[in-house]
Amino acid sequence: MTHEETWRIMEIIAERNGKTLSGLSKMSGLDATTFNPSKRITRHKKPRWPTIRTVYKILQATNTDLDEFAEIWRIARRELNKAEK
C-alpha cells in the first residue's frame, strides 16, 4: 500500500458516506483537520501516514469491514495506476 493509495482510500470512504474529509474526521471522533492535504507531508517533506488507530476509528464509524476496505484499496490502486498512464 502506497502513501497515495492510503490517502485515496480515505477519500473514497468519505465519498461513500456522503462526507468531506473533514466530515469523515469529525464522524470518526477526530479533529476536523486530520485529513487535510497539508497534513499528509511533514515539514521535513516526509510522508505522514494515518495511524492504525485513525484507520480503525474510520472503519468503525463508517461500518466498513476489512473486506470492503480491501476492495476500496483495489479501487484506489486502479485509479492511481490509470492516472499515471
N, C-alpha and C. Protein backbone atom coordinates (compact mmCIF):
# COMPACT_ATOMS: atom_id res chain seq x y z
N MET A 1 0.86 -1.17 0.00
CA MET A 1 0.00 0.00 0.00
C MET A 1 0.90 1.23 0.00
N THR A 2 0.69 2.09 -0.96
CA THR A 2 1.50 3.30 -1.05
C THR A 2 0.86 4.43 -0.24
N HIS A 3 1.64 5.46 -0.04
CA HIS A 3 1.16 6.65 0.67
C HIS A 3 -0.04 7.24 -0.08
N GLU A 4 0.08 7.36 -1.40
CA GLU A 4 -1.01 7.92 -2.21
C GLU A 4 -2.26 7.05 -2.13
N GLU A 5 -2.09 5.73 -2.19
CA GLU A 5 -3.23 4.82 -2.08
C GLU A 5 -3.93 4.98 -0.74
N THR A 6 -3.14 5.10 0.31
CA THR A 6 -3.70 5.23 1.66
C THR A 6 -4.61 6.45 1.75
N TRP A 7 -4.14 7.57 1.24
CA TRP A 7 -4.95 8.78 1.32
C TRP A 7 -6.15 8.72 0.37
N ARG A 8 -5.99 8.07 -0.77
CA ARG A 8 -7.14 7.92 -1.68
C ARG A 8 -8.20 7.03 -1.05
N ILE A 9 -7.78 6.02 -0.31
CA ILE A 9 -8.74 5.17 0.42
C ILE A 9 -9.60 6.02 1.35
N MET A 10 -8.97 6.92 2.08
CA MET A 10 -9.72 7.80 3.00
C MET A 10 -10.72 8.65 2.22
N GLU A 11 -10.29 9.15 1.07
CA GLU A 11 -11.18 9.97 0.24
C GLU A 11 -12.38 9.14 -0.25
N ILE A 12 -12.13 7.92 -0.69
CA ILE A 12 -13.21 7.06 -1.17
C ILE A 12 -14.20 6.74 -0.04
N ILE A 13 -13.68 6.43 1.13
CA ILE A 13 -14.57 6.14 2.27
C ILE A 13 -15.43 7.37 2.57
N ALA A 14 -14.82 8.54 2.54
CA ALA A 14 -15.60 9.77 2.78
C ALA A 14 -16.68 9.92 1.72
N GLU A 15 -16.32 9.76 0.46
CA GLU A 15 -17.29 9.88 -0.63
C GLU A 15 -18.43 8.89 -0.48
N ARG A 16 -18.12 7.65 -0.14
CA ARG A 16 -19.15 6.62 0.02
C ARG A 16 -20.11 6.93 1.15
N ASN A 17 -19.66 7.74 2.07
CA ASN A 17 -20.51 8.10 3.22
C ASN A 17 -21.07 9.50 3.11
N GLY A 18 -20.97 10.09 1.92
CA GLY A 18 -21.53 11.42 1.69
C GLY A 18 -20.87 12.51 2.52
N LYS A 19 -19.60 12.32 2.80
CA LYS A 19 -18.87 13.26 3.66
C LYS A 19 -17.68 13.86 2.92
N THR A 20 -17.27 15.01 3.39
CA THR A 20 -15.97 15.54 3.01
C THR A 20 -14.94 14.85 3.89
N LEU A 21 -13.67 15.08 3.64
CA LEU A 21 -12.66 14.52 4.53
C LEU A 21 -12.79 15.09 5.93
N SER A 22 -13.14 16.36 6.02
CA SER A 22 -13.36 16.99 7.32
C SER A 22 -14.54 16.33 8.03
N GLY A 23 -15.62 16.10 7.29
CA GLY A 23 -16.79 15.45 7.86
C GLY A 23 -16.49 14.03 8.31
N LEU A 24 -15.68 13.31 7.53
CA LEU A 24 -15.28 11.96 7.92
C LEU A 24 -14.46 12.00 9.20
N SER A 25 -13.57 12.96 9.30
CA SER A 25 -12.76 13.11 10.52
C SER A 25 -13.66 13.30 11.73
N LYS A 26 -14.59 14.25 11.63
CA LYS A 26 -15.48 14.53 12.76
C LYS A 26 -16.36 13.34 13.08
N MET A 27 -16.87 12.68 12.04
CA MET A 27 -17.71 11.49 12.22
C MET A 27 -16.96 10.39 12.98
N SER A 28 -15.65 10.35 12.80
CA SER A 28 -14.81 9.32 13.41
C SER A 28 -14.26 9.74 14.77
N GLY A 29 -14.67 10.93 15.24
CA GLY A 29 -14.20 11.40 16.54
C GLY A 29 -12.81 12.00 16.50
N LEU A 30 -12.39 12.43 15.31
CA LEU A 30 -11.06 13.01 15.14
C LEU A 30 -11.19 14.51 14.91
N ASP A 31 -10.07 15.20 14.99
CA ASP A 31 -10.03 16.63 14.68
C ASP A 31 -10.43 16.82 13.22
N ALA A 32 -11.16 17.87 12.93
CA ALA A 32 -11.66 18.13 11.58
C ALA A 32 -10.55 18.29 10.55
N THR A 33 -9.36 18.62 10.99
CA THR A 33 -8.25 18.85 10.05
C THR A 33 -7.35 17.62 9.86
N THR A 34 -7.70 16.52 10.46
CA THR A 34 -6.87 15.32 10.43
C THR A 34 -6.46 14.91 9.02
N PHE A 35 -7.38 15.01 8.06
CA PHE A 35 -7.11 14.52 6.71
C PHE A 35 -6.80 15.62 5.70
N ASN A 36 -6.55 16.83 6.18
CA ASN A 36 -6.22 17.91 5.26
C ASN A 36 -4.99 17.53 4.42
N PRO A 37 -5.02 17.82 3.14
CA PRO A 37 -3.87 17.52 2.30
C PRO A 37 -2.56 18.11 2.83
N SER A 38 -2.63 19.25 3.48
CA SER A 38 -1.42 19.88 4.02
C SER A 38 -0.79 19.05 5.14
N LYS A 39 -1.55 18.14 5.73
CA LYS A 39 -1.03 17.32 6.83
C LYS A 39 -0.52 15.96 6.35
N ARG A 40 -0.52 15.73 5.06
CA ARG A 40 -0.09 14.44 4.52
C ARG A 40 1.42 14.36 4.34
N ILE A 41 2.07 15.49 4.44
CA ILE A 41 3.53 15.57 4.33
C ILE A 41 4.03 16.37 5.53
N THR A 42 5.10 15.91 6.16
CA THR A 42 5.65 16.63 7.31
C THR A 42 6.40 17.87 6.85
N ARG A 43 6.76 18.71 7.77
CA ARG A 43 7.51 19.92 7.42
C ARG A 43 8.89 19.57 6.88
N HIS A 44 9.33 18.33 7.11
CA HIS A 44 10.62 17.86 6.59
C HIS A 44 10.44 17.12 5.26
N LYS A 45 9.25 17.29 4.67
CA LYS A 45 8.92 16.73 3.35
C LYS A 45 8.85 15.20 3.33
N LYS A 46 8.56 14.61 4.48
CA LYS A 46 8.39 13.16 4.56
C LYS A 46 6.90 12.84 4.60
N PRO A 47 6.51 11.71 4.00
CA PRO A 47 5.09 11.34 4.02
C PRO A 47 4.59 11.12 5.44
N ARG A 48 3.41 11.62 5.72
CA ARG A 48 2.76 11.37 7.01
C ARG A 48 1.64 10.38 6.74
N TRP A 49 1.69 9.28 7.45
CA TRP A 49 0.72 8.20 7.28
C TRP A 49 -0.31 8.25 8.41
N PRO A 50 -1.56 7.90 8.12
CA PRO A 50 -2.53 7.79 9.21
C PRO A 50 -2.15 6.61 10.11
N THR A 51 -2.42 6.75 11.37
CA THR A 51 -2.10 5.67 12.30
C THR A 51 -3.14 4.54 12.17
N ILE A 52 -2.77 3.39 12.67
CA ILE A 52 -3.72 2.27 12.70
C ILE A 52 -4.95 2.66 13.50
N ARG A 53 -4.74 3.38 14.58
CA ARG A 53 -5.87 3.82 15.42
C ARG A 53 -6.82 4.72 14.62
N THR A 54 -6.27 5.63 13.83
CA THR A 54 -7.09 6.50 13.00
C THR A 54 -7.88 5.69 11.98
N VAL A 55 -7.21 4.76 11.32
CA VAL A 55 -7.89 3.91 10.33
C VAL A 55 -9.00 3.10 11.02
N TYR A 56 -8.71 2.56 12.19
CA TYR A 56 -9.72 1.80 12.93
C TYR A 56 -10.94 2.67 13.24
N LYS A 57 -10.71 3.90 13.69
CA LYS A 57 -11.83 4.79 14.01
C LYS A 57 -12.69 5.07 12.78
N ILE A 58 -12.05 5.24 11.64
CA ILE A 58 -12.79 5.49 10.40
C ILE A 58 -13.63 4.27 10.02
N LEU A 59 -13.00 3.11 10.06
CA LEU A 59 -13.72 1.88 9.71
C LEU A 59 -14.89 1.65 10.65
N GLN A 60 -14.68 1.87 11.92
CA GLN A 60 -15.74 1.68 12.91
C GLN A 60 -16.87 2.68 12.69
N ALA A 61 -16.54 3.94 12.50
CA ALA A 61 -17.56 4.98 12.34
C ALA A 61 -18.39 4.80 11.07
N THR A 62 -17.78 4.21 10.04
CA THR A 62 -18.47 4.06 8.76
C THR A 62 -18.98 2.64 8.53
N ASN A 63 -18.83 1.79 9.52
CA ASN A 63 -19.23 0.38 9.40
C ASN A 63 -18.61 -0.28 8.16
N THR A 64 -17.33 0.02 7.94
CA THR A 64 -16.59 -0.57 6.83
C THR A 64 -15.79 -1.75 7.37
N ASP A 65 -16.07 -2.95 6.85
CA ASP A 65 -15.33 -4.11 7.31
C ASP A 65 -14.04 -4.27 6.50
N LEU A 66 -13.21 -5.22 6.88
CA LEU A 66 -11.92 -5.38 6.22
C LEU A 66 -12.04 -5.82 4.77
N ASP A 67 -13.07 -6.60 4.45
CA ASP A 67 -13.28 -7.00 3.05
C ASP A 67 -13.58 -5.77 2.20
N GLU A 68 -14.44 -4.89 2.69
CA GLU A 68 -14.76 -3.66 1.96
C GLU A 68 -13.53 -2.75 1.88
N PHE A 69 -12.77 -2.69 2.96
CA PHE A 69 -11.55 -1.89 2.96
C PHE A 69 -10.59 -2.38 1.87
N ALA A 70 -10.45 -3.70 1.77
CA ALA A 70 -9.57 -4.27 0.74
C ALA A 70 -10.08 -3.92 -0.66
N GLU A 71 -11.38 -3.96 -0.87
CA GLU A 71 -11.95 -3.59 -2.16
C GLU A 71 -11.70 -2.11 -2.46
N ILE A 72 -11.85 -1.26 -1.47
CA ILE A 72 -11.59 0.17 -1.66
C ILE A 72 -10.11 0.38 -2.00
N TRP A 73 -9.24 -0.38 -1.38
CA TRP A 73 -7.81 -0.30 -1.69
C TRP A 73 -7.56 -0.65 -3.15
N ARG A 74 -8.21 -1.71 -3.63
CA ARG A 74 -8.06 -2.11 -5.03
C ARG A 74 -8.55 -0.99 -5.96
N ILE A 75 -9.65 -0.36 -5.60
CA ILE A 75 -10.19 0.75 -6.40
C ILE A 75 -9.18 1.90 -6.43
N ALA A 76 -8.65 2.25 -5.27
CA ALA A 76 -7.67 3.34 -5.17
C ALA A 76 -6.45 3.03 -6.02
N ARG A 77 -5.97 1.80 -5.95
CA ARG A 77 -4.80 1.40 -6.72
C ARG A 77 -5.06 1.51 -8.23
N ARG A 78 -6.23 1.04 -8.67
CA ARG A 78 -6.58 1.12 -10.10
C ARG A 78 -6.66 2.58 -10.55
N GLU A 79 -7.32 3.41 -9.76
CA GLU A 79 -7.44 4.83 -10.10
C GLU A 79 -6.08 5.50 -10.24
N LEU A 80 -5.21 5.25 -9.30
CA LEU A 80 -3.90 5.89 -9.32
C LEU A 80 -3.03 5.34 -10.45
N ASN A 81 -3.14 4.04 -10.73
CA ASN A 81 -2.39 3.48 -11.85
C ASN A 81 -2.87 4.05 -13.17
N LYS A 82 -4.17 4.21 -13.29
CA LYS A 82 -4.75 4.78 -14.51
C LYS A 82 -4.30 6.22 -14.69
N ALA A 83 -4.24 6.97 -13.60
CA ALA A 83 -3.85 8.38 -13.66
C ALA A 83 -2.37 8.54 -14.06
N GLU A 84 -1.55 7.54 -13.73
CA GLU A 84 -0.12 7.60 -14.07
C GLU A 84 0.13 7.35 -15.56
N LYS A 85 -0.79 6.71 -16.23
CA LYS A 85 -0.59 6.36 -17.64
C LYS A 85 -0.89 7.49 -18.56
